[in-house]
Amino acid sequence: MTQETFTVQNVKCGGCASTIESGVSEMAAVNSVTVEVESGTVTIESDGIERATLSSKLAELGYPEA
């Protein structure tokens, strides 16, 4: 299992966190998604998904890396 942490833009509230969690969790091989609203960090545990793939998914959801 791998863990990647991203600092992303546009995270303003719990609703944003929920959007990220549900959107990223839809990806196969994602085990957990944790969003810290205050710092804008997203931590994703997966079974070896490449960082670039995760980053693209976050951007697609409207939360590009800062």
PDB file of N, CA and C in Angstrom:
ATOM      1  N   MET A   1       0.851  -1.187   0.000  1.00  0.00           N
ATOM      2  CA  MET A   1       0.000   0.000   0.000  1.00  0.00           C
ATOM      3  C   MET A   1       0.893   1.245   0.000  1.00  0.00           C
ATOM      4  N   THR A   2       0.478   2.238  -0.764  1.00  0.00           N
ATOM      5  CA  THR A   2       1.225   3.489  -0.815  1.00  0.00           C
ATOM      6  C   THR A   2       0.353   4.623  -0.299  1.00  0.00           C
ATOM      7  N   GLN A   3       1.029   5.649   0.219  1.00  0.00           N
ATOM      8  CA  GLN A   3       0.317   6.829   0.718  1.00  0.00           C
ATOM      9  C   GLN A   3       0.904   8.052   0.053  1.00  0.00           C
ATOM     10  N   GLU A   4       0.038   8.897  -0.484  1.00  0.00           N
ATOM     11  CA  GLU A   4       0.456  10.150  -1.115  1.00  0.00           C
ATOM     12  C   GLU A   4      -0.283  11.295  -0.447  1.00  0.00           C
ATOM     13  N   THR A   5       0.435  12.401  -0.217  1.00  0.00           N
ATOM     14  CA  THR A   5      -0.185  13.584   0.371  1.00  0.00           C
ATOM     15  C   THR A   5      -0.059  14.738  -0.614  1.00  0.00           C
ATOM     16  N   PHE A   6      -1.152  15.422  -0.837  1.00  0.00           N
ATOM     17  CA  PHE A   6      -1.216  16.543  -1.768  1.00  0.00           C
ATOM     18  C   PHE A   6      -1.671  17.797  -1.031  1.00  0.00           C
ATOM     19  N   THR A   7      -1.124  18.947  -1.437  1.00  0.00           N
ATOM     20  CA  THR A   7      -1.657  20.227  -0.979  1.00  0.00           C
ATOM     21  C   THR A   7      -2.405  20.779  -2.175  1.00  0.00           C
ATOM     22  N   VAL A   8      -3.725  20.974  -2.002  1.00  0.00           N
ATOM     23  CA  VAL A   8      -4.556  21.367  -3.141  1.00  0.00           C
ATOM     24  C   VAL A   8      -5.215  22.722  -2.923  1.00  0.00           C
ATOM     25  N   GLN A   9      -5.685  23.305  -4.010  1.00  0.00           N
ATOM     26  CA  GLN A   9      -6.367  24.593  -3.986  1.00  0.00           C
ATOM     27  C   GLN A   9      -7.873  24.379  -3.834  1.00  0.00           C
ATOM     28  N   ASN A  10      -8.561  25.426  -3.403  1.00  0.00           N
ATOM     29  CA  ASN A  10     -10.025  25.499  -3.410  1.00  0.00           C
ATOM     30  C   ASN A  10     -10.748  24.718  -2.318  1.00  0.00           C
ATOM     31  N   VAL A  11     -10.026  24.142  -1.349  1.00  0.00           N
ATOM     32  CA  VAL A  11     -10.718  23.437  -0.268  1.00  0.00           C
ATOM     33  C   VAL A  11     -11.141  24.481   0.761  1.00  0.00           C
ATOM     34  N   LYS A  12     -12.452  24.717   0.864  1.00  0.00           N
ATOM     35  CA  LYS A  12     -12.939  25.786   1.719  1.00  0.00           C
ATOM     36  C   LYS A  12     -13.842  25.312   2.851  1.00  0.00           C
ATOM     37  N   CYS A  13     -14.399  24.093   2.725  1.00  0.00           N
ATOM     38  CA  CYS A  13     -15.364  23.658   3.730  1.00  0.00           C
ATOM     39  C   CYS A  13     -15.507  22.144   3.731  1.00  0.00           C
ATOM     40  N   GLY A  14     -16.345  21.658   4.625  1.00  0.00           N
ATOM     41  CA  GLY A  14     -16.605  20.236   4.704  1.00  0.00           C
ATOM     42  C   GLY A  14     -17.233  19.671   3.440  1.00  0.00           C
ATOM     43  N   GLY A  15     -17.998  20.504   2.750  1.00  0.00           N
ATOM     44  CA  GLY A  15     -18.592  20.065   1.483  1.00  0.00           C
ATOM     45  C   GLY A  15     -17.526  19.771   0.448  1.00  0.00           C
ATOM     46  N   CYS A  16     -16.503  20.622   0.412  1.00  0.00           N
ATOM     47  CA  CYS A  16     -15.375  20.397  -0.497  1.00  0.00           C
ATOM     48  C   CYS A  16     -14.689  19.077  -0.140  1.00  0.00           C
ATOM     49  N   ALA A  17     -14.484  18.868   1.154  1.00  0.00           N
ATOM     50  CA  ALA A  17     -13.840  17.642   1.617  1.00  0.00           C
ATOM     51  C   ALA A  17     -14.655  16.420   1.198  1.00  0.00           C
ATOM     52  N   SER A  18     -15.977  16.498   1.333  1.00  0.00           N
ATOM     53  CA  SER A  18     -16.849  15.388   0.948  1.00  0.00           C
ATOM     54  C   SER A  18     -16.765  15.105  -0.544  1.00  0.00           C
ATOM     55  N   THR A  19     -16.708  16.170  -1.350  1.00  0.00           N
ATOM     56  CA  THR A  19     -16.591  16.011  -2.805  1.00  0.00           C
ATOM     57  C   THR A  19     -15.302  15.281  -3.156  1.00  0.00           C
ATOM     58  N   ILE A  20     -14.202  15.678  -2.520  1.00  0.00           N
ATOM     59  CA  ILE A  20     -12.912  15.029  -2.776  1.00  0.00           C
ATOM     60  C   ILE A  20     -12.964  13.570  -2.331  1.00  0.00           C
ATOM     61  N   GLU A  21     -13.440  13.340  -1.111  1.00  0.00           N
ATOM     62  CA  GLU A  21     -13.479  11.977  -0.577  1.00  0.00           C
ATOM     63  C   GLU A  21     -14.308  11.053  -1.460  1.00  0.00           C
ATOM     64  N   SER A  22     -15.506  11.495  -1.855  1.00  0.00           N
ATOM     65  CA  SER A  22     -16.355  10.617  -2.660  1.00  0.00           C
ATOM     66  C   SER A  22     -15.800  10.439  -4.067  1.00  0.00           C
ATOM     67  N   GLY A  23     -15.275  11.512  -4.649  1.00  0.00           N
ATOM     68  CA  GLY A  23     -14.739  11.427  -6.011  1.00  0.00           C
ATOM     69  C   GLY A  23     -13.517  10.537  -6.110  1.00  0.00           C
ATOM     70  N   VAL A  24     -12.582  10.684  -5.181  1.00  0.00           N
ATOM     71  CA  VAL A  24     -11.354   9.885  -5.217  1.00  0.00           C
ATOM     72  C   VAL A  24     -11.639   8.444  -4.806  1.00  0.00           C
ATOM     73  N   SER A  25     -12.561   8.256  -3.865  1.00  0.00           N
ATOM     74  CA  SER A  25     -12.882   6.903  -3.408  1.00  0.00           C
ATOM     75  C   SER A  25     -13.487   6.033  -4.501  1.00  0.00           C
ATOM     76  N   GLU A  26     -14.059   6.667  -5.541  1.00  0.00           N
ATOM     77  CA  GLU A  26     -14.620   5.915  -6.663  1.00  0.00           C
ATOM     78  C   GLU A  26     -13.544   5.187  -7.462  1.00  0.00           C
ATOM     79  N   MET A  27     -12.309   5.652  -7.370  1.00  0.00           N
ATOM     80  CA  MET A  27     -11.228   5.028  -8.128  1.00  0.00           C
ATOM     81  C   MET A  27     -10.927   3.638  -7.561  1.00  0.00           C
ATOM     82  N   ALA A  28     -10.738   2.687  -8.466  1.00  0.00           N
ATOM     83  CA  ALA A  28     -10.366   1.347  -8.029  1.00  0.00           C
ATOM     84  C   ALA A  28      -9.015   1.420  -7.332  1.00  0.00           C
ATOM     85  N   ALA A  29      -8.816   0.614  -6.325  1.00  0.00           N
ATOM     86  CA  ALA A  29      -7.559   0.501  -5.576  1.00  0.00           C
ATOM     87  C   ALA A  29      -7.310   1.623  -4.565  1.00  0.00           C
ATOM     88  N   VAL A  30      -8.289   2.539  -4.389  1.00  0.00           N
ATOM     89  CA  VAL A  30      -8.145   3.550  -3.340  1.00  0.00           C
ATOM     90  C   VAL A  30      -8.704   2.963  -2.052  1.00  0.00           C
ATOM     91  N   ASN A  31      -7.890   3.002  -0.984  1.00  0.00           N
ATOM     92  CA  ASN A  31      -8.300   2.425   0.294  1.00  0.00           C
ATOM     93  C   ASN A  31      -8.867   3.464   1.245  1.00  0.00           C
ATOM     94  N   SER A  32      -8.269   4.664   1.265  1.00  0.00           N
ATOM     95  CA  SER A  32      -8.788   5.712   2.134  1.00  0.00           C
ATOM     96  C   SER A  32      -8.394   7.085   1.611  1.00  0.00           C
ATOM     97  N   VAL A  33      -9.230   8.060   1.962  1.00  0.00           N
ATOM     98  CA  VAL A  33      -8.997   9.460   1.580  1.00  0.00           C
ATOM     99  C   VAL A  33      -9.254  10.307   2.819  1.00  0.00           C
ATOM    100  N   THR A  34      -8.268  11.126   3.198  1.00  0.00           N
ATOM    101  CA  THR A  34      -8.412  12.011   4.345  1.00  0.00           C
ATOM    102  C   THR A  34      -8.171  13.437   3.869  1.00  0.00           C
ATOM    103  N   VAL A  35      -9.090  14.347   4.204  1.00  0.00           N
ATOM    104  CA  VAL A  35      -8.965  15.749   3.788  1.00  0.00           C
ATOM    105  C   VAL A  35      -8.897  16.623   5.032  1.00  0.00           C
ATOM    106  N   GLU A  36      -7.866  17.469   5.111  1.00  0.00           N
ATOM    107  CA  GLU A  36      -7.743  18.461   6.177  1.00  0.00           C
ATOM    108  C   GLU A  36      -8.114  19.807   5.559  1.00  0.00           C
ATOM    109  N   VAL A  37      -9.312  20.304   5.879  1.00  0.00           N
ATOM    110  CA  VAL A  37      -9.817  21.531   5.257  1.00  0.00           C
ATOM    111  C   VAL A  37      -8.916  22.731   5.555  1.00  0.00           C
ATOM    112  N   GLU A  38      -8.493  22.882   6.810  1.00  0.00           N
ATOM    113  CA  GLU A  38      -7.711  24.064   7.204  1.00  0.00           C
ATOM    114  C   GLU A  38      -6.416  24.192   6.415  1.00  0.00           C
ATOM    115  N   SER A  39      -5.714  23.080   6.215  1.00  0.00           N
ATOM    116  CA  SER A  39      -4.418  23.131   5.528  1.00  0.00           C
ATOM    117  C   SER A  39      -4.530  22.852   4.034  1.00  0.00           C
ATOM    118  N   GLY A  40      -5.684  22.360   3.593  1.00  0.00           N
ATOM    119  CA  GLY A  40      -5.839  22.032   2.179  1.00  0.00           C
ATOM    120  C   GLY A  40      -5.064  20.795   1.773  1.00  0.00           C
ATOM    121  N   THR A  41      -4.826  19.900   2.736  1.00  0.00           N
ATOM    122  CA  THR A  41      -4.090  18.692   2.388  1.00  0.00           C
ATOM    123  C   THR A  41      -5.030  17.509   2.210  1.00  0.00           C
ATOM    124  N   VAL A  42      -4.671  16.677   1.254  1.00  0.00           N
ATOM    125  CA  VAL A  42      -5.428  15.466   0.958  1.00  0.00           C
ATOM    126  C   VAL A  42      -4.439  14.307   1.028  1.00  0.00           C
ATOM    127  N   THR A  43      -4.734  13.323   1.867  1.00  0.00           N
ATOM    128  CA  THR A  43      -3.895  12.143   1.975  1.00  0.00           C
ATOM    129  C   THR A  43      -4.681  10.951   1.436  1.00  0.00           C
ATOM    130  N   ILE A  44      -4.062  10.245   0.494  1.00  0.00           N
ATOM    131  CA  ILE A  44      -4.730   9.128  -0.172  1.00  0.00           C
ATOM    132  C   ILE A  44      -3.889   7.870   0.010  1.00  0.00           C
ATOM    133  N   GLU A  45      -4.506   6.820   0.517  1.00  0.00           N
ATOM    134  CA  GLU A  45      -3.850   5.517   0.602  1.00  0.00           C
ATOM    135  C   GLU A  45      -4.440   4.657  -0.499  1.00  0.00           C
ATOM    136  N   SER A  46      -3.553   4.033  -1.269  1.00  0.00           N
ATOM    137  CA  SER A  46      -4.020   3.203  -2.378  1.00  0.00           C
ATOM    138  C   SER A  46      -3.090   2.019  -2.565  1.00  0.00           C
ATOM    139  N   ASP A  47      -3.534   1.106  -3.396  1.00  0.00           N
ATOM    140  CA  ASP A  47      -2.711  -0.041  -3.752  1.00  0.00           C
ATOM    141  C   ASP A  47      -1.880   0.306  -4.985  1.00  0.00           C
ATOM    142  N   GLY A  48      -0.979   1.273  -4.828  1.00  0.00           N
ATOM    143  CA  GLY A  48      -0.001   1.572  -5.867  1.00  0.00           C
ATOM    144  C   GLY A  48      -0.463   2.437  -7.024  1.00  0.00           C
ATOM    145  N   ILE A  49      -1.482   3.283  -6.830  1.00  0.00           N
ATOM    146  CA  ILE A  49      -1.874   4.200  -7.908  1.00  0.00           C
ATOM    147  C   ILE A  49      -0.796   5.279  -8.028  1.00  0.00           C
ATOM    148  N   GLU A  50      -0.404   5.589  -9.270  1.00  0.00           N
ATOM    149  CA  GLU A  50       0.641   6.589  -9.485  1.00  0.00           C
ATOM    150  C   GLU A  50       0.184   7.963  -9.010  1.00  0.00           C
ATOM    151  N   ARG A  51       1.150   8.723  -8.463  1.00  0.00           N
ATOM    152  CA  ARG A  51       0.854  10.074  -7.962  1.00  0.00           C
ATOM    153  C   ARG A  51       0.227  10.948  -9.043  1.00  0.00           C
ATOM    154  N   ALA A  52       0.730  10.869 -10.257  1.00  0.00           N
ATOM    155  CA  ALA A  52       0.217  11.702 -11.346  1.00  0.00           C
ATOM    156  C   ALA A  52      -1.252  11.396 -11.635  1.00  0.00           C
ATOM    157  N   THR A  53      -1.631  10.136 -11.517  1.00  0.00           N
ATOM    158  CA  THR A  53      -3.025   9.738 -11.741  1.00  0.00           C
ATOM    159  C   THR A  53      -3.924  10.335 -10.669  1.00  0.00           C
ATOM    160  N   LEU A  54      -3.467  10.275  -9.417  1.00  0.00           N
ATOM    161  CA  LEU A  54      -4.234  10.853  -8.310  1.00  0.00           C
ATOM    162  C   LEU A  54      -4.339  12.365  -8.457  1.00  0.00           C
ATOM    163  N   SER A  55      -3.245  13.006  -8.830  1.00  0.00           N
ATOM    164  CA  SER A  55      -3.224  14.456  -9.014  1.00  0.00           C
ATOM    165  C   SER A  55      -4.199  14.872 -10.116  1.00  0.00           C
ATOM    166  N   SER A  56      -4.239  14.102 -11.198  1.00  0.00           N
ATOM    167  CA  SER A  56      -5.159  14.389 -12.298  1.00  0.00           C
ATOM    168  C   SER A  56      -6.606  14.280 -11.841  1.00  0.00           C
ATOM    169  N   LYS A  57      -6.891  13.279 -11.020  1.00  0.00           N
ATOM    170  CA  LYS A  57      -8.254  13.093 -10.504  1.00  0.00           C
ATOM    171  C   LYS A  57      -8.653  14.279  -9.626  1.00  0.00           C
ATOM    172  N   LEU A  58      -7.745  14.732  -8.761  1.00  0.00           N
ATOM    173  CA  LEU A  58      -8.028  15.888  -7.904  1.00  0.00           C
ATOM    174  C   LEU A  58      -8.311  17.126  -8.754  1.00  0.00           C
ATOM    175  N   ALA A  59      -7.508  17.343  -9.800  1.00  0.00           N
ATOM    176  CA  ALA A  59      -7.701  18.501 -10.683  1.00  0.00           C
ATOM    177  C   ALA A  59      -9.041  18.401 -11.402  1.00  0.00           C
ATOM    178  N   GLU A  60      -9.390  17.192 -11.832  1.00  0.00           N
ATOM    179  CA  GLU A  60     -10.658  16.954 -12.525  1.00  0.00           C
ATOM    180  C   GLU A  60     -11.843  17.304 -11.616  1.00  0.00           C
ATOM    181  N   LEU A  61     -11.690  17.051 -10.317  1.00  0.00           N
ATOM    182  CA  LEU A  61     -12.731  17.360  -9.354  1.00  0.00           C
ATOM    183  C   LEU A  61     -12.787  18.851  -8.995  1.00  0.00           C
ATOM    184  N   GLY A  62     -11.766  19.619  -9.444  1.00  0.00           N
ATOM    185  CA  GLY A  62     -11.738  21.056  -9.180  1.00  0.00           C
ATOM    186  C   GLY A  62     -10.776  21.453  -8.066  1.00  0.00           C
ATOM    187  N   TYR A  63      -9.878  20.530  -7.702  1.00  0.00           N
ATOM    188  CA  TYR A  63      -8.930  20.785  -6.621  1.00  0.00           C
ATOM    189  C   TYR A  63      -7.502  20.484  -7.093  1.00  0.00           C
ATOM    190  N   PRO A  64      -6.957  21.375  -7.946  1.00  0.00           N
ATOM    191  CA  PRO A  64      -5.593  21.141  -8.456  1.00  0.00           C
ATOM    192  C   PRO A  64      -4.551  21.325  -7.359  1.00  0.00           C
ATOM    193  N   GLU A  65      -3.404  20.678  -7.561  1.00  0.00           N
ATOM    194  CA  GLU A  65      -2.324  20.841  -6.593  1.00  0.00           C
ATOM    195  C   GLU A  65      -1.901  22.304  -6.526  1.00  0.00           C
ATOM    196  N   ALA A  66      -1.582  22.751  -5.314  1.00  0.00           N
ATOM    197  CA  ALA A  66      -1.165  24.144  -5.118  1.00  0.00           C
ATOM    198  C   ALA A  66       0.290  24.298  -5.537  1.00  0.00           C
TER     199      ALA A  66
END
